[in-house]
Amino acid sequence: TGYLNYEGYNHGITQFRDLAIYNGKHGAIALFEGSTGNVGIGTSSPTSLLHLAASTTARAQLRFDPTSAADPTSPNDGDVWYDGTVLKFRAGGTTRTINWT
């Protein structure tokens, strides 16, 4: 296990640095924007705290692995999870199921 501590100029106090991870063909894998705190996966210009590139026919935008699915023992408001059967989220201290037809 390792870590990366990237402070940029003046220990990040006055200027910020971005950290980009690309594949061998200069395709964006991930970008950590120092000035905004935004993180992009599959994009080099994230516009939100977590920005996932659009899904393609080859792969989903976000996948919840059903092989080890379980309800968290102490979920927090804003948590989203897949219990192996349905998608759930926590809001207002209540766990809710996302229904679709």
Protein backbone atom coordinates (compact mmCIF):
# COMPACT_ATOMS: atom_id res chain seq x y z
CA THR A 1 0.00 0.00 0.00
CA GLY A 2 1.24 3.48 -0.81
CA TYR A 3 0.08 7.05 -0.89
CA LEU A 4 0.65 10.22 -2.84
CA ASN A 5 0.99 13.61 -1.16
CA TYR A 6 0.95 16.30 -3.85
CA GLU A 7 0.96 19.80 -2.34
CA GLY A 8 1.91 21.97 -5.32
CA TYR A 9 3.37 25.47 -4.95
CA ASN A 10 3.79 26.92 -1.47
CA HIS A 11 2.32 23.78 0.11
CA GLY A 12 -1.01 24.39 -1.65
CA ILE A 13 -1.66 27.67 0.18
CA THR A 14 -1.66 30.05 -2.79
CA GLN A 15 -1.63 27.82 -5.84
CA PHE A 16 -3.04 24.41 -6.53
CA ARG A 17 -1.95 21.55 -8.72
CA ASP A 18 -4.06 19.03 -10.57
CA LEU A 19 -3.14 15.36 -10.64
CA ALA A 20 -4.05 13.50 -13.84
CA ILE A 21 -3.77 9.79 -14.52
CA TYR A 22 -3.81 8.79 -18.19
CA ASN A 23 -3.54 5.55 -20.10
CA GLY A 24 -0.76 4.94 -22.63
CA LYS A 25 -2.72 6.77 -25.36
CA HIS A 26 -3.27 9.97 -23.33
CA GLY A 27 -6.85 8.94 -22.55
CA ALA A 28 -8.10 10.26 -19.21
CA ILE A 29 -8.46 7.66 -16.49
CA ALA A 30 -8.81 10.01 -13.51
CA LEU A 31 -8.24 13.66 -12.66
CA PHE A 32 -8.01 15.28 -9.26
CA GLU A 33 -8.51 19.06 -9.59
CA GLY A 34 -6.52 20.89 -6.95
CA SER A 35 -8.37 24.20 -7.10
CA THR A 36 -11.93 22.82 -6.89
CA GLY A 37 -11.51 19.45 -5.19
CA ASN A 38 -13.42 17.83 -8.06
CA VAL A 39 -12.56 14.27 -9.07
CA GLY A 40 -13.18 12.96 -12.56
CA ILE A 41 -13.15 9.31 -13.61
CA GLY A 42 -12.93 8.85 -17.35
CA THR A 43 -12.92 12.62 -17.93
CA SER A 44 -10.24 15.29 -17.90
CA SER A 45 -12.63 18.11 -16.97
CA PRO A 46 -14.75 17.18 -13.94
CA THR A 47 -17.57 19.63 -13.21
CA SER A 48 -18.76 18.22 -9.87
CA LEU A 49 -17.25 16.69 -6.72
CA LEU A 50 -17.43 13.27 -8.40
CA HIS A 51 -17.84 13.27 -12.16
CA LEU A 52 -18.16 9.88 -13.89
CA ALA A 53 -17.78 9.72 -17.66
CA ALA A 54 -20.90 8.69 -19.55
CA SER A 55 -21.57 5.00 -19.92
CA THR A 56 -20.90 3.26 -23.21
CA THR A 57 -22.26 0.13 -24.81
CA ALA A 58 -19.17 -1.66 -23.49
CA ARG A 59 -19.45 -0.67 -19.83
CA ALA A 60 -21.75 0.90 -17.27
CA GLN A 61 -21.21 4.32 -15.74
CA LEU A 62 -21.49 2.95 -12.19
CA ARG A 63 -21.78 -0.65 -11.04
CA PHE A 64 -22.77 -2.01 -7.65
CA ASP A 65 -21.23 -5.47 -7.23
CA PRO A 66 -24.00 -7.91 -6.23
CA THR A 67 -21.64 -10.73 -5.18
CA SER A 68 -21.00 -9.28 -1.72
CA ALA A 69 -24.15 -7.19 -1.35
CA ALA A 70 -25.46 -6.41 2.12
CA ASP A 71 -27.14 -3.56 3.95
CA PRO A 72 -24.67 -1.37 5.87
CA THR A 73 -25.04 -1.77 9.63
CA SER A 74 -25.11 2.00 10.26
CA PRO A 75 -26.01 3.85 7.06
CA ASN A 76 -25.72 7.63 6.93
CA ASP A 77 -27.97 10.08 5.13
CA GLY A 78 -26.81 10.25 1.51
CA ASP A 79 -25.57 6.64 1.37
CA VAL A 80 -26.57 4.60 -1.69
CA TRP A 81 -26.16 0.82 -1.91
CA TYR A 82 -27.38 -2.32 -3.64
CA ASP A 83 -28.44 -5.14 -1.33
CA GLY A 84 -28.35 -7.81 -4.04
CA THR A 85 -32.01 -7.32 -4.92
CA VAL A 86 -32.89 -3.61 -4.89
CA LEU A 87 -31.14 -0.26 -4.88
CA LYS A 88 -31.50 1.66 -1.61
CA PHE A 89 -30.61 5.09 -0.27
CA ARG A 90 -30.70 6.79 3.12
CA ALA A 91 -32.46 10.14 3.54
CA GLY A 92 -33.87 11.88 6.59
CA GLY A 93 -32.80 8.98 8.83
CA THR A 94 -34.90 6.55 6.79
CA THR A 95 -33.75 3.85 4.38
CA ARG A 96 -35.73 4.01 1.15
CA THR A 97 -35.94 1.64 -1.80
CA ILE A 98 -35.66 2.96 -5.33
CA ASN A 99 -38.53 1.37 -7.26
CA TRP A 100 -38.84 1.11 -11.00
CA THR A 101 -41.18 -0.60 -13.41
